[in-house]
C-alpha atoms as a PDB file:
ATOM      1  CA  MET A   1      65.013 102.368 107.055  1.00  0.00           C
ATOM      2  CA  ALA A   2      68.035 101.222 109.658  1.00  0.00           C
ATOM      3  CA  PHE A   3      71.883 101.958 109.019  1.00  0.00           C
ATOM      4  CA  TYR A   4      74.464  99.774 110.907  1.00  0.00           C
ATOM      5  CA  GLN A   5      78.043  99.821 110.935  1.00  0.00           C
ATOM      6  CA  PHE A   6      80.456  97.334 112.166  1.00  0.00           C
ATOM      7  CA  GLU A   7      84.275  97.943 112.930  1.00  0.00           C
ATOM      8  CA  ARG A   8      86.508  95.322 113.484  1.00  0.00           C
ATOM      9  CA  THR A   9      90.537  95.576 114.226  1.00  0.00           C
ATOM     10  CA  GLN A  10      93.021  93.011 114.077  1.00  0.00           C
ATOM     11  CA  LYS A  11      96.985  93.086 114.372  1.00  0.00           C
ATOM     12  CA  VAL A  12      98.777  91.633 111.834  1.00  0.00           C
ATOM     13  CA  ASN A  13     102.532  90.073 112.416  1.00  0.00           C
ATOM     14  CA  ALA A  14     103.678  91.809 109.175  1.00  0.00           C
ATOM     15  CA  SER A  15     105.339  95.046 107.246  1.00  0.00           C
ATOM     16  CA  LYS A  16     102.843  97.167 106.116  1.00  0.00           C
ATOM     17  CA  GLU A  17     104.345  96.764 102.628  1.00  0.00           C
ATOM     18  CA  GLU A  18     103.556  93.193 103.340  1.00  0.00           C
ATOM     19  CA  VAL A  19      99.605  93.427 104.170  1.00  0.00           C
ATOM     20  CA  TRP A  20      98.926  96.535 101.567  1.00  0.00           C
ATOM     21  CA  ASP A  21     100.530  94.304  98.309  1.00  0.00           C
ATOM     22  CA  PHE A  22      97.649  91.532  99.925  1.00  0.00           C
ATOM     23  CA  ILE A  23      94.730  93.439 100.927  1.00  0.00           C
ATOM     24  CA  SER A  24      95.345  95.462  97.244  1.00  0.00           C
ATOM     25  CA  SER A  25      95.161  92.620  95.219  1.00  0.00           C
ATOM     26  CA  PRO A  26      91.309  91.421  94.270  1.00  0.00           C
ATOM     27  CA  ALA A  27      92.589  87.896  93.963  1.00  0.00           C
ATOM     28  CA  ASN A  28      93.163  87.381  97.493  1.00  0.00           C
ATOM     29  CA  LEU A  29      89.648  87.737  98.935  1.00  0.00           C
ATOM     30  CA  LYS A  30      89.317  84.503  98.786  1.00  0.00           C
ATOM     31  CA  GLU A  31      92.150  83.269 100.830  1.00  0.00           C
ATOM     32  CA  ILE A  32      90.640  85.161 103.207  1.00  0.00           C
ATOM     33  CA  THR A  33      86.785  84.500 103.170  1.00  0.00           C
ATOM     34  CA  PRO A  34      85.218  81.402 104.297  1.00  0.00           C
ATOM     35  CA  ALA A  35      84.497  78.627 101.875  1.00  0.00           C
ATOM     36  CA  TYR A  36      80.872  78.210 102.961  1.00  0.00           C
ATOM     37  CA  MET A  37      80.261  81.959 101.373  1.00  0.00           C
ATOM     38  CA  GLY A  38      81.189  80.201  97.790  1.00  0.00           C
ATOM     39  CA  PHE A  39      83.124  83.304  97.374  1.00  0.00           C
ATOM     40  CA  ASP A  40      83.933  83.543  93.303  1.00  0.00           C
ATOM     41  CA  ILE A  41      85.337  86.708  91.465  1.00  0.00           C
ATOM     42  CA  THR A  42      83.207  86.838  88.148  1.00  0.00           C
ATOM     43  CA  SER A  43      84.461  89.624  86.107  1.00  0.00           C
ATOM     44  CA  LYS A  44      85.955  89.056  82.958  1.00  0.00           C
ATOM     45  CA  LYS A  45      89.127  91.138  84.000  1.00  0.00           C
ATOM     46  CA  THR A  46      90.545  92.216  87.139  1.00  0.00           C
ATOM     47  CA  SER A  47      94.059  93.596  87.057  1.00  0.00           C
ATOM     48  CA  GLU A  48      96.600  92.233  89.406  1.00  0.00           C
ATOM     49  CA  LYS A  49      95.940  95.635  92.074  1.00  0.00           C
ATOM     50  CA  MET A  50      92.906  97.489  92.818  1.00  0.00           C
ATOM     51  CA  TYR A  51      92.592 100.666  91.263  1.00  0.00           C
ATOM     52  CA  GLU A  52      89.875 103.837  91.770  1.00  0.00           C
ATOM     53  CA  GLY A  53      86.613 103.302  89.416  1.00  0.00           C
ATOM     54  CA  MET A  54      87.604  98.991  89.762  1.00  0.00           C
ATOM     55  CA  LEU A  55      84.617  97.163  89.119  1.00  0.00           C
ATOM     56  CA  ILE A  56      84.753  93.927  90.742  1.00  0.00           C
ATOM     57  CA  SER A  57      81.640  90.937  90.292  1.00  0.00           C
ATOM     58  CA  TYR A  58      81.381  88.107  92.661  1.00  0.00           C
ATOM     59  CA  GLN A  59      79.215  85.231  93.626  1.00  0.00           C
ATOM     60  CA  VAL A  60      78.734  84.554  97.126  1.00  0.00           C
ATOM     61  CA  LYS A  61      76.295  82.179  99.134  1.00  0.00           C
ATOM     62  CA  PRO A  62      75.455  84.383 102.217  1.00  0.00           C
ATOM     63  CA  LEU A  63      72.556  82.622 103.447  1.00  0.00           C
ATOM     64  CA  LEU A  64      71.136  79.203 102.907  1.00  0.00           C
ATOM     65  CA  GLY A  65      73.540  78.124  99.680  1.00  0.00           C
ATOM     66  CA  ILE A  66      71.921  80.273  97.210  1.00  0.00           C
ATOM     67  CA  LYS A  67      74.274  82.025  95.144  1.00  0.00           C
ATOM     68  CA  THR A  68      74.140  85.934  94.935  1.00  0.00           C
ATOM     69  CA  ASN A  69      75.593  88.552  92.599  1.00  0.00           C
ATOM     70  CA  TRP A  70      77.658  90.957  93.971  1.00  0.00           C
ATOM     71  CA  VAL A  71      79.591  94.257  91.954  1.00  0.00           C
ATOM     72  CA  THR A  72      81.679  96.626  94.253  1.00  0.00           C
ATOM     73  CA  GLU A  73      83.598  99.549  93.387  1.00  0.00           C
ATOM     74  CA  ILE A  74      87.038 100.673  94.413  1.00  0.00           C
ATOM     75  CA  THR A  75      85.874 104.507  95.044  1.00  0.00           C
ATOM     76  CA  HIS A  76      89.145 105.419  97.233  1.00  0.00           C
ATOM     77  CA  ILE A  77      92.654 104.828  97.499  1.00  0.00           C
ATOM     78  CA  LYS A  78      94.878 105.777  99.399  1.00  0.00           C
ATOM     79  CA  GLU A  79      98.256 103.959  98.482  1.00  0.00           C
ATOM     80  CA  GLY A  80      99.721 102.289 101.083  1.00  0.00           C
ATOM     81  CA  HIS A  81      97.485 103.212 103.748  1.00  0.00           C
ATOM     82  CA  SER A  82      93.759 102.994 103.174  1.00  0.00           C
ATOM     83  CA  PHE A  83      90.794 101.734 100.292  1.00  0.00           C
ATOM     84  CA  ILE A  84      86.908 101.903  99.895  1.00  0.00           C
ATOM     85  CA  ASP A  85      84.553  99.592  98.279  1.00  0.00           C
ATOM     86  CA  GLU A  86      81.103 100.546  97.715  1.00  0.00           C
ATOM     87  CA  GLN A  87      78.787  98.001  96.391  1.00  0.00           C
ATOM     88  CA  ARG A  88      76.893  98.958  92.826  1.00  0.00           C
ATOM     89  CA  MET A  89      75.097  95.853  92.949  1.00  0.00           C
ATOM     90  CA  GLY A  90      74.048  92.824  95.473  1.00  0.00           C
ATOM     91  CA  PRO A  91      72.459  91.840  98.572  1.00  0.00           C
ATOM     92  CA  TYR A  92      72.352  95.461 100.560  1.00  0.00           C
ATOM     93  CA  LYS A  93      70.314  98.554 100.187  1.00  0.00           C
ATOM     94  CA  MET A  94      73.790 100.080 100.849  1.00  0.00           C
ATOM     95  CA  TRP A  95      77.301  99.167 101.614  1.00  0.00           C
ATOM     96  CA  HIS A  96      80.254 101.058 102.396  1.00  0.00           C
ATOM     97  CA  HIS A  97      83.520  99.303 103.406  1.00  0.00           C
ATOM     98  CA  GLN A  98      86.455 101.376 104.387  1.00  0.00           C
ATOM     99  CA  HIS A  99      89.691  99.472 104.827  1.00  0.00           C
ATOM    100  CA  PHE A 100      92.964 101.339 107.086  1.00  0.00           C
ATOM    101  CA  ILE A 101      96.531  99.955 107.614  1.00  0.00           C
ATOM    102  CA  GLU A 102      99.221 101.570 109.595  1.00  0.00           C
ATOM    103  CA  GLU A 103     102.590 100.664 111.163  1.00  0.00           C
ATOM    104  CA  ILE A 104     102.751  99.757 114.549  1.00  0.00           C
ATOM    105  CA  SER A 105     105.418  98.315 116.486  1.00  0.00           C
ATOM    106  CA  ASN A 106     106.228  94.800 114.752  1.00  0.00           C
ATOM    107  CA  GLY A 107     103.191  94.797 112.480  1.00  0.00           C
ATOM    108  CA  VAL A 108     100.701  96.519 111.030  1.00  0.00           C
ATOM    109  CA  LEU A 109      96.908  97.558 112.470  1.00  0.00           C
ATOM    110  CA  MET A 110      94.689  96.771 110.340  1.00  0.00           C
ATOM    111  CA  LYS A 111      91.447  98.665 110.516  1.00  0.00           C
ATOM    112  CA  ASP A 112      87.776  97.945 108.485  1.00  0.00           C
ATOM    113  CA  ILE A 113      84.581  99.728 109.174  1.00  0.00           C
ATOM    114  CA  VAL A 114      81.664  98.156 107.258  1.00  0.00           C
ATOM    115  CA  SER A 115      78.316 100.862 107.171  1.00  0.00           C
ATOM    116  CA  TYR A 116      75.407  99.068 105.580  1.00  0.00           C
ATOM    117  CA  ILE A 117      71.667  99.354 105.123  1.00  0.00           C
ATOM    118  CA  PRO A 118      70.039  95.834 104.597  1.00  0.00           C
ATOM    119  CA  PRO A 119      67.148  95.194 101.909  1.00  0.00           C
ATOM    120  CA  LEU A 120      63.596  95.079 102.812  1.00  0.00           C
ATOM    121  CA  GLY A 121      63.220  97.731 105.545  1.00  0.00           C
ATOM    122  CA  PHE A 122      61.829  95.920 108.611  1.00  0.00           C
ATOM    123  CA  LEU A 123      62.519  93.023 107.939  1.00  0.00           C
ATOM    124  CA  GLY A 124      66.051  93.822 107.173  1.00  0.00           C
ATOM    125  CA  ALA A 125      66.343  95.465 110.613  1.00  0.00           C
ATOM    126  CA  ILE A 126      65.607  92.105 111.848  1.00  0.00           C
ATOM    127  CA  ALA A 127      67.716  89.819 109.652  1.00  0.00           C
ATOM    128  CA  ASN A 128      70.331  92.206 111.252  1.00  0.00           C
ATOM    129  CA  GLN A 129      69.956  91.214 114.441  1.00  0.00           C
ATOM    130  CA  LEU A 130      69.174  87.334 113.607  1.00  0.00           C
ATOM    131  CA  ILE A 131      71.884  87.200 110.905  1.00  0.00           C
ATOM    132  CA  ILE A 132      73.586  89.620 109.580  1.00  0.00           C
ATOM    133  CA  LYS A 133      75.832  90.727 112.182  1.00  0.00           C
ATOM    134  CA  ASN A 134      76.415  87.599 112.969  1.00  0.00           C
ATOM    135  CA  LYS A 135      77.798  86.630 109.687  1.00  0.00           C
ATOM    136  CA  LEU A 136      79.909  90.052 109.839  1.00  0.00           C
ATOM    137  CA  GLU A 137      81.479  88.834 113.329  1.00  0.00           C
ATOM    138  CA  GLN A 138      81.973  84.854 111.349  1.00  0.00           C
ATOM    139  CA  ILE A 139      84.034  86.215 108.227  1.00  0.00           C
ATOM    140  CA  PHE A 140      86.157  88.776 110.244  1.00  0.00           C
ATOM    141  CA  ALA A 141      87.055  85.876 113.004  1.00  0.00           C
ATOM    142  CA  PHE A 142      88.093  83.555 109.646  1.00  0.00           C
ATOM    143  CA  ARG A 143      89.688  86.461 108.481  1.00  0.00           C
ATOM    144  CA  LYS A 144      91.569  87.180 111.647  1.00  0.00           C
ATOM    145  CA  GLU A 145      92.293  83.543 111.023  1.00  0.00           C
ATOM    146  CA  ALA A 146      93.688  83.574 107.802  1.00  0.00           C
ATOM    147  CA  LEU A 147      95.998  85.979 108.287  1.00  0.00           C
ATOM    148  CA  ASP A 148      97.236  84.995 111.623  1.00  0.00           C
ATOM    149  CA  LYS A 149      98.004  81.779 109.729  1.00  0.00           C
ATOM    150  CA  LYS A 150      99.762  84.011 106.913  1.00  0.00           C
ATOM    151  CA  TYR A 151     101.724  86.074 108.972  1.00  0.00           C
ATOM    152  CA  GLY A 152     102.123  84.443 112.560  1.00  0.00           C
ATOM    153  CA  VAL A 153      99.941  85.532 115.368  1.00  0.00           C
ATOM    154  CA  TYR A 154     100.841  89.296 116.509  1.00  0.00           C
ATOM    155  CA  ASN A 155     101.645  88.763 120.162  1.00  0.00           C
ATOM    156  CA  LYS A 156     104.070  91.655 120.858  1.00  0.00           C
END
């Protein structure tokens, strides 16, 4: 069984409060997810702000346009600083996503650490090399562009 970690950092040209308000609202996830992923929140009720224990259900099309149901739980929140979401049902054998923000000169540093185990054992390891890690790169590149467009490019 193969275990992987994907890390990404991004500097955002906004205040810590602005960035936290944005990333702590599940409704904003669609704005920072590529359209080809077909991302839709399917939870009947989601609060404006996340809270520990919150379950969020989605539909995504991660591969070949095939709809996949995904449920994540917000397991830890350190208000204004970090949160963790973990897959409860979905395409991965395990998914643990840590989100951190910290104030830096003239902006915010965002750091994400995604720890995951693909499904299907040996075949999942091959899929990671051929598809999954590239998809993660694409998704986070899109997110960077979306946040740069929203807040302006950080160039301090």
